[in-house]
PDB file of N, CA and C in Angstrom:
ATOM      1  N   MET A   1      94.615 100.387  99.495  1.00  0.00           N
ATOM      2  CA  MET A   1      94.549  99.935 100.860  1.00  0.00           C
ATOM      3  C   MET A   1      95.198  98.569 101.019  1.00  0.00           C
ATOM      4  N   SER A   2      95.525  98.226 102.222  1.00  0.00           N
ATOM      5  CA  SER A   2      96.132  96.937 102.513  1.00  0.00           C
ATOM      6  C   SER A   2      95.136  95.807 102.253  1.00  0.00           C
ATOM      7  N   GLN A   3      95.577  94.589 102.471  1.00  0.00           N
ATOM      8  CA  GLN A   3      94.718  93.437 102.276  1.00  0.00           C
ATOM      9  C   GLN A   3      93.480  93.542 103.144  1.00  0.00           C
ATOM     10  N   GLY A   4      92.378  93.051 102.609  1.00  0.00           N
ATOM     11  CA  GLY A   4      91.152  92.971 103.385  1.00  0.00           C
ATOM     12  C   GLY A   4      90.411  94.284 103.495  1.00  0.00           C
ATOM     13  N   SER A   5      89.147  94.155 103.838  1.00  0.00           N
ATOM     14  CA  SER A   5      88.276  95.317 103.976  1.00  0.00           C
ATOM     15  C   SER A   5      88.451  95.939 105.358  1.00  0.00           C
ATOM     16  N   LYS A   6      88.339  97.261 105.409  1.00  0.00           N
ATOM     17  CA  LYS A   6      88.488  97.981 106.675  1.00  0.00           C
ATOM     18  C   LYS A   6      87.133  98.417 107.233  1.00  0.00           C
ATOM     19  N   GLU A   7      86.024  97.881 106.697  1.00  0.00           N
ATOM     20  CA  GLU A   7      84.711  98.331 107.141  1.00  0.00           C
ATOM     21  C   GLU A   7      84.360  97.861 108.549  1.00  0.00           C
ATOM     22  N   LYS A   8      85.048  96.891 109.100  1.00  0.00           N
ATOM     23  CA  LYS A   8      84.791  96.437 110.465  1.00  0.00           C
ATOM     24  C   LYS A   8      85.416  97.364 111.509  1.00  0.00           C
ATOM     25  N   TYR A   9      86.217  98.310 111.072  1.00  0.00           N
ATOM     26  CA  TYR A   9      86.880  99.226 111.988  1.00  0.00           C
ATOM     27  C   TYR A   9      85.993 100.430 112.275  1.00  0.00           C
ATOM     28  N   SER A  10      86.080 100.934 113.487  1.00  0.00           N
ATOM     29  CA  SER A  10      85.313 102.124 113.849  1.00  0.00           C
ATOM     30  C   SER A  10      85.932 103.357 113.194  1.00  0.00           C
ATOM     31  N   ASP A  11      85.174 104.454 113.175  1.00  0.00           N
ATOM     32  CA  ASP A  11      85.688 105.699 112.606  1.00  0.00           C
ATOM     33  C   ASP A  11      86.931 106.166 113.354  1.00  0.00           C
ATOM     34  N   LYS A  12      86.926 105.971 114.669  1.00  0.00           N
ATOM     35  CA  LYS A  12      88.071 106.378 115.479  1.00  0.00           C
ATOM     36  C   LYS A  12      89.325 105.601 115.072  1.00  0.00           C
ATOM     37  N   GLN A  13      89.180 104.301 114.850  1.00  0.00           N
ATOM     38  CA  GLN A  13      90.321 103.488 114.450  1.00  0.00           C
ATOM     39  C   GLN A  13      90.838 103.908 113.072  1.00  0.00           C
ATOM     40  N   LYS A  14      89.923 104.240 112.164  1.00  0.00           N
ATOM     41  CA  LYS A  14      90.332 104.676 110.828  1.00  0.00           C
ATOM     42  C   LYS A  14      91.082 106.000 110.897  1.00  0.00           C
ATOM     43  N   ARG A  15      90.588 106.939 111.721  1.00  0.00           N
ATOM     44  CA  ARG A  15      91.277 108.228 111.881  1.00  0.00           C
ATOM     45  C   ARG A  15      92.654 108.034 112.494  1.00  0.00           C
ATOM     46  N   LYS A  16      92.724 107.145 113.484  1.00  0.00           N
ATOM     47  CA  LYS A  16      94.001 106.872 114.147  1.00  0.00           C
ATOM     48  C   LYS A  16      95.008 106.301 113.145  1.00  0.00           C
ATOM     49  N   ALA A  17      94.568 105.374 112.306  1.00  0.00           N
ATOM     50  CA  ALA A  17      95.454 104.773 111.306  1.00  0.00           C
ATOM     51  C   ALA A  17      95.936 105.823 110.313  1.00  0.00           C
ATOM     52  N   GLU A  18      95.040 106.725 109.897  1.00  0.00           N
ATOM     53  CA  GLU A  18      95.447 107.792 108.967  1.00  0.00           C
ATOM     54  C   GLU A  18      96.503 108.689 109.597  1.00  0.00           C
ATOM     55  N   HIS A  19      96.301 109.033 110.846  1.00  0.00           N
ATOM     56  CA  HIS A  19      97.250 109.906 111.548  1.00  0.00           C
ATOM     57  C   HIS A  19      98.620 109.230 111.680  1.00  0.00           C
ATOM     58  N   ILE A  20      98.614 107.970 112.063  1.00  0.00           N
ATOM     59  CA  ILE A  20      99.865 107.220 112.216  1.00  0.00           C
ATOM     60  C   ILE A  20     100.566 107.094 110.862  1.00  0.00           C
ATOM     61  N   GLU A  21      99.782 106.804 109.818  1.00  0.00           N
ATOM     62  CA  GLU A  21     100.351 106.671 108.476  1.00  0.00           C
ATOM     63  C   GLU A  21     101.001 107.976 108.018  1.00  0.00           C
ATOM     64  N   LYS A  22     100.322 109.084 108.248  1.00  0.00           N
ATOM     65  CA  LYS A  22     100.865 110.395 107.851  1.00  0.00           C
ATOM     66  C   LYS A  22     102.185 110.661 108.572  1.00  0.00           C
ATOM     67  N   SER A  23     102.241 110.288 109.823  1.00  0.00           N
ATOM     68  CA  SER A  23     103.452 110.508 110.606  1.00  0.00           C
ATOM     69  C   SER A  23     104.622 109.663 110.086  1.00  0.00           C
ATOM     70  N   TYR A  24     104.335 108.425 109.677  1.00  0.00           N
ATOM     71  CA  TYR A  24     105.390 107.583 109.096  1.00  0.00           C
ATOM     72  C   TYR A  24     105.879 108.156 107.763  1.00  0.00           C
ATOM     73  N   ILE A  25     104.948 108.665 106.950  1.00  0.00           N
ATOM     74  CA  ILE A  25     105.321 109.241 105.661  1.00  0.00           C
ATOM     75  C   ILE A  25     106.226 110.454 105.870  1.00  0.00           C
ATOM     76  N   GLU A  26     105.925 111.264 106.875  1.00  0.00           N
ATOM     77  CA  GLU A  26     106.765 112.422 107.190  1.00  0.00           C
ATOM     78  C   GLU A  26     108.173 112.000 107.605  1.00  0.00           C
ATOM     79  N   GLN A  27     108.299 110.798 108.155  1.00  0.00           N
ATOM     80  CA  GLN A  27     109.604 110.285 108.565  1.00  0.00           C
ATOM     81  C   GLN A  27     110.371 109.672 107.396  1.00  0.00           C
ATOM     82  N   GLY A  28     109.742 109.604 106.215  1.00  0.00           N
ATOM     83  CA  GLY A  28     110.431 109.103 105.034  1.00  0.00           C
ATOM     84  C   GLY A  28     110.134 107.660 104.683  1.00  0.00           C
ATOM     85  N   VAL A  29     109.152 107.049 105.318  1.00  0.00           N
ATOM     86  CA  VAL A  29     108.770 105.675 105.012  1.00  0.00           C
ATOM     87  C   VAL A  29     107.854 105.704 103.788  1.00  0.00           C
ATOM     88  N   SER A  30     107.951 104.694 102.923  1.00  0.00           N
ATOM     89  CA  SER A  30     107.101 104.650 101.732  1.00  0.00           C
ATOM     90  C   SER A  30     105.630 104.569 102.143  1.00  0.00           C
ATOM     91  N   GLU A  31     104.744 105.007 101.243  1.00  0.00           N
ATOM     92  CA  GLU A  31     103.316 105.034 101.565  1.00  0.00           C
ATOM     93  C   GLU A  31     102.769 103.646 101.872  1.00  0.00           C
ATOM     94  N   GLN A  32     103.182 102.665 101.099  1.00  0.00           N
ATOM     95  CA  GLN A  32     102.695 101.298 101.302  1.00  0.00           C
ATOM     96  C   GLN A  32     103.154 100.750 102.665  1.00  0.00           C
ATOM     97  N   GLU A  33     104.404 100.944 102.984  1.00  0.00           N
ATOM     98  CA  GLU A  33     104.936 100.476 104.266  1.00  0.00           C
ATOM     99  C   GLU A  33     104.311 101.243 105.430  1.00  0.00           C
ATOM    100  N   ALA A  34     104.093 102.544 105.239  1.00  0.00           N
ATOM    101  CA  ALA A  34     103.485 103.368 106.285  1.00  0.00           C
ATOM    102  C   ALA A  34     102.071 102.879 106.592  1.00  0.00           C
ATOM    103  N   GLU A  35     101.321 102.528 105.555  1.00  0.00           N
ATOM    104  CA  GLU A  35      99.961 102.039 105.754  1.00  0.00           C
ATOM    105  C   GLU A  35      99.966 100.709 106.508  1.00  0.00           C
ATOM    106  N   LYS A  36     100.877  99.812 106.130  1.00  0.00           N
ATOM    107  CA  LYS A  36     100.989  98.523 106.826  1.00  0.00           C
ATOM    108  C   LYS A  36     101.307  98.718 108.304  1.00  0.00           C
ATOM    109  N   ARG A  37     102.277  99.584 108.582  1.00  0.00           N
ATOM    110  CA  ARG A  37     102.673  99.828 109.972  1.00  0.00           C
ATOM    111  C   ARG A  37     101.544 100.481 110.765  1.00  0.00           C
ATOM    112  N   ALA A  38     100.821 101.400 110.128  1.00  0.00           N
ATOM    113  CA  ALA A  38      99.730 102.099 110.809  1.00  0.00           C
ATOM    114  C   ALA A  38      98.641 101.116 111.228  1.00  0.00           C
ATOM    115  N   TRP A  39      98.222 100.256 110.323  1.00  0.00           N
ATOM    116  CA  TRP A  39      97.169  99.291 110.662  1.00  0.00           C
ATOM    117  C   TRP A  39      97.667  98.253 111.655  1.00  0.00           C
ATOM    118  N   ALA A  40      98.945  97.895 111.587  1.00  0.00           N
ATOM    119  CA  ALA A  40      99.503  96.962 112.570  1.00  0.00           C
ATOM    120  C   ALA A  40      99.453  97.578 113.961  1.00  0.00           C
ATOM    121  N   THR A  41      99.743  98.873 114.057  1.00  0.00           N
ATOM    122  CA  THR A  41      99.705  99.570 115.343  1.00  0.00           C
ATOM    123  C   THR A  41      98.275  99.636 115.871  1.00  0.00           C
ATOM    124  N   VAL A  42      97.322  99.974 114.999  1.00  0.00           N
ATOM    125  CA  VAL A  42      95.910 100.032 115.409  1.00  0.00           C
ATOM    126  C   VAL A  42      95.458  98.658 115.886  1.00  0.00           C
ATOM    127  N   ASN A  43      95.827  97.607 115.153  1.00  0.00           N
ATOM    128  CA  ASN A  43      95.432  96.253 115.555  1.00  0.00           C
ATOM    129  C   ASN A  43      96.049  95.853 116.888  1.00  0.00           C
ATOM    130  N   LYS A  44      97.297  96.241 117.103  1.00  0.00           N
ATOM    131  CA  LYS A  44      97.960  95.880 118.349  1.00  0.00           C
ATOM    132  C   LYS A  44      97.317  96.596 119.537  1.00  0.00           C
ATOM    133  N   GLU A  45      96.944  97.860 119.340  1.00  0.00           N
ATOM    134  CA  GLU A  45      96.372  98.641 120.431  1.00  0.00           C
ATOM    135  C   GLU A  45      94.936  98.239 120.747  1.00  0.00           C
ATOM    136  N   SER A  46      94.145  97.909 119.717  1.00  0.00           N
ATOM    137  CA  SER A  46      92.727  97.696 119.945  1.00  0.00           C
ATOM    138  C   SER A  46      92.267  96.265 119.706  1.00  0.00           C
ATOM    139  N   GLY A  47      93.135  95.432 119.202  1.00  0.00           N
ATOM    140  CA  GLY A  47      92.762  94.040 118.960  1.00  0.00           C
ATOM    141  C   GLY A  47      91.949  93.836 117.695  1.00  0.00           C
ATOM    142  N   GLY A  48      92.037  94.737 116.736  1.00  0.00           N
ATOM    143  CA  GLY A  48      91.327  94.586 115.467  1.00  0.00           C
ATOM    144  C   GLY A  48      90.106  95.464 115.378  1.00  0.00           C
ATOM    145  N   GLY A  49      89.215  95.120 114.445  1.00  0.00           N
ATOM    146  CA  GLY A  49      88.004  95.913 114.215  1.00  0.00           C
ATOM    147  C   GLY A  49      87.077  95.896 115.407  1.00  0.00           C
ATOM    148  N   ASN A  50      86.533  97.046 115.759  1.00  0.00           N
ATOM    149  CA  ASN A  50      85.668  97.171 116.928  1.00  0.00           C
ATOM    150  C   ASN A  50      84.238  97.565 116.595  1.00  0.00           C
ATOM    151  N   LYS A  51      83.851  97.564 115.330  1.00  0.00           N
ATOM    152  CA  LYS A  51      82.564  98.130 114.965  1.00  0.00           C
ATOM    153  C   LYS A  51      81.387  97.357 115.547  1.00  0.00           C
ATOM    154  N   SER A  52      81.417  96.049 115.533  1.00  0.00           N
ATOM    155  CA  SER A  52      80.281  95.289 116.037  1.00  0.00           C
ATOM    156  C   SER A  52      80.676  94.517 117.289  1.00  0.00           C
ATOM    157  N   GLY A  53      79.694  94.131 118.063  1.00  0.00           N
ATOM    158  CA  GLY A  53      79.953  93.330 119.241  1.00  0.00           C
ATOM    159  C   GLY A  53      79.820  94.107 120.529  1.00  0.00           C
ATOM    160  N   ALA A  54      79.838  93.382 121.628  1.00  0.00           N
ATOM    161  CA  ALA A  54      79.586  93.972 122.939  1.00  0.00           C
ATOM    162  C   ALA A  54      80.745  94.824 123.442  1.00  0.00           C
ATOM    163  N   GLY A  55      81.974  94.517 123.057  1.00  0.00           N
ATOM    164  CA  GLY A  55      83.123  95.230 123.610  1.00  0.00           C
ATOM    165  C   GLY A  55      83.623  96.369 122.752  1.00  0.00           C
ATOM    166  N   LYS A  56      82.753  96.962 121.933  1.00  0.00           N
ATOM    167  CA  LYS A  56      83.250  97.977 121.006  1.00  0.00           C
ATOM    168  C   LYS A  56      83.655  99.275 121.686  1.00  0.00           C
ATOM    169  N   ASN A  57      83.218  99.515 122.902  1.00  0.00           N
ATOM    170  CA  ASN A  57      83.560 100.749 123.601  1.00  0.00           C
ATOM    171  C   ASN A  57      84.688 100.568 124.612  1.00  0.00           C
ATOM    172  N   VAL A  58      85.409  99.464 124.514  1.00  0.00           N
ATOM    173  CA  VAL A  58      86.521  99.200 125.406  1.00  0.00           C
ATOM    174  C   VAL A  58      87.675 100.124 125.042  1.00  0.00           C
ATOM    175  N   ASN A  59      88.327 100.695 126.026  1.00  0.00           N
ATOM    176  CA  ASN A  59      89.448 101.607 125.763  1.00  0.00           C
ATOM    177  C   ASN A  59      90.609 100.875 125.111  1.00  0.00           C
ATOM    178  N   ASP A  60      91.312 101.601 124.261  1.00  0.00           N
ATOM    179  CA  ASP A  60      92.473 101.045 123.571  1.00  0.00           C
ATOM    180  C   ASP A  60      93.682 101.037 124.492  1.00  0.00           C
ATOM    181  N   ASN A  61      94.568 100.088 124.255  1.00  0.00           N
ATOM    182  CA  ASN A  61      95.835 100.023 124.956  1.00  0.00           C
ATOM    183  C   ASN A  61      96.830 100.835 124.146  1.00  0.00           C
ATOM    184  N   GLN A  62      97.347 101.927 124.684  1.00  0.00           N
ATOM    185  CA  GLN A  62      98.178 102.860 123.931  1.00  0.00           C
ATOM    186  C   GLN A  62      99.681 102.574 124.064  1.00  0.00           C
ATOM    187  N   LYS A  63     100.058 101.479 124.659  1.00  0.00           N
ATOM    188  CA  LYS A  63     101.468 101.210 124.905  1.00  0.00           C
ATOM    189  C   LYS A  63     102.302 101.174 123.635  1.00  0.00           C
ATOM    190  N   ALA A  64     101.779 100.609 122.562  1.00  0.00           N
ATOM    191  CA  ALA A  64     102.553 100.461 121.326  1.00  0.00           C
ATOM    192  C   ALA A  64     102.951 101.810 120.739  1.00  0.00           C
ATOM    193  N   SER A  65     102.042 102.763 120.723  1.00  0.00           N
ATOM    194  CA  SER A  65     102.359 104.058 120.111  1.00  0.00           C
ATOM    195  C   SER A  65     103.195 104.939 121.035  1.00  0.00           C
ATOM    196  N   ARG A  66     103.101 104.745 122.323  1.00  0.00           N
ATOM    197  CA  ARG A  66     103.890 105.566 123.253  1.00  0.00           C
ATOM    198  C   ARG A  66     105.318 105.052 123.386  1.00  0.00           C
ATOM    199  N   LYS A  67     105.518 103.783 123.094  1.00  0.00           N
ATOM    200  CA  LYS A  67     106.829 103.170 123.217  1.00  0.00           C
ATOM    201  C   LYS A  67     107.780 103.627 122.118  1.00  0.00           C
ATOM    202  N   GLY A  68     107.260 103.979 120.953  1.00  0.00           N
ATOM    203  CA  GLY A  68     108.064 104.294 119.773  1.00  0.00           C
ATOM    204  C   GLY A  68     109.155 105.332 120.008  1.00  0.00           C
ATOM    205  N   GLY A  69     108.826 106.473 120.581  1.00  0.00           N
ATOM    206  CA  GLY A  69     109.815 107.533 120.767  1.00  0.00           C
ATOM    207  C   GLY A  69     110.843 107.206 121.822  1.00  0.00           C
ATOM    208  N   LYS A  70     110.445 106.454 122.831  1.00  0.00           N
ATOM    209  CA  LYS A  70     111.352 106.126 123.932  1.00  0.00           C
ATOM    210  C   LYS A  70     112.342 105.035 123.532  1.00  0.00           C
ATOM    211  N   LYS A  71     111.920 104.154 122.635  1.00  0.00           N
ATOM    212  CA  LYS A  71     112.741 103.006 122.275  1.00  0.00           C
ATOM    213  C   LYS A  71     114.067 103.439 121.660  1.00  0.00           C
ATOM    214  N   SER A  72     114.065 104.499 120.859  1.00  0.00           N
ATOM    215  CA  SER A  72     115.287 104.878 120.166  1.00  0.00           C
ATOM    216  C   SER A  72     116.203 105.780 120.988  1.00  0.00           C
ATOM    217  N   SER A  73     115.719 106.293 122.113  1.00  0.00           N
ATOM    218  CA  SER A  73     116.552 107.211 122.893  1.00  0.00           C
ATOM    219  C   SER A  73     117.630 106.516 123.673  1.00  0.00           C
TER     220      SER A  73
END
């Protein structure tokens, strides 16, 4: 895993990162780089770990992941 513990992340964020990572690997990116990019995307969309605190049920901003396909067209 990347630097630091991922226990502050919700299950949803962990699943999202796995899905994003798998998609990068399918595109030919190395596993280490794919993991870094996946967690960077999760952090950008949700602002980091959401497990504790009052705002843990705040909806994620999906702009970062939706922009990817359009940017290259």
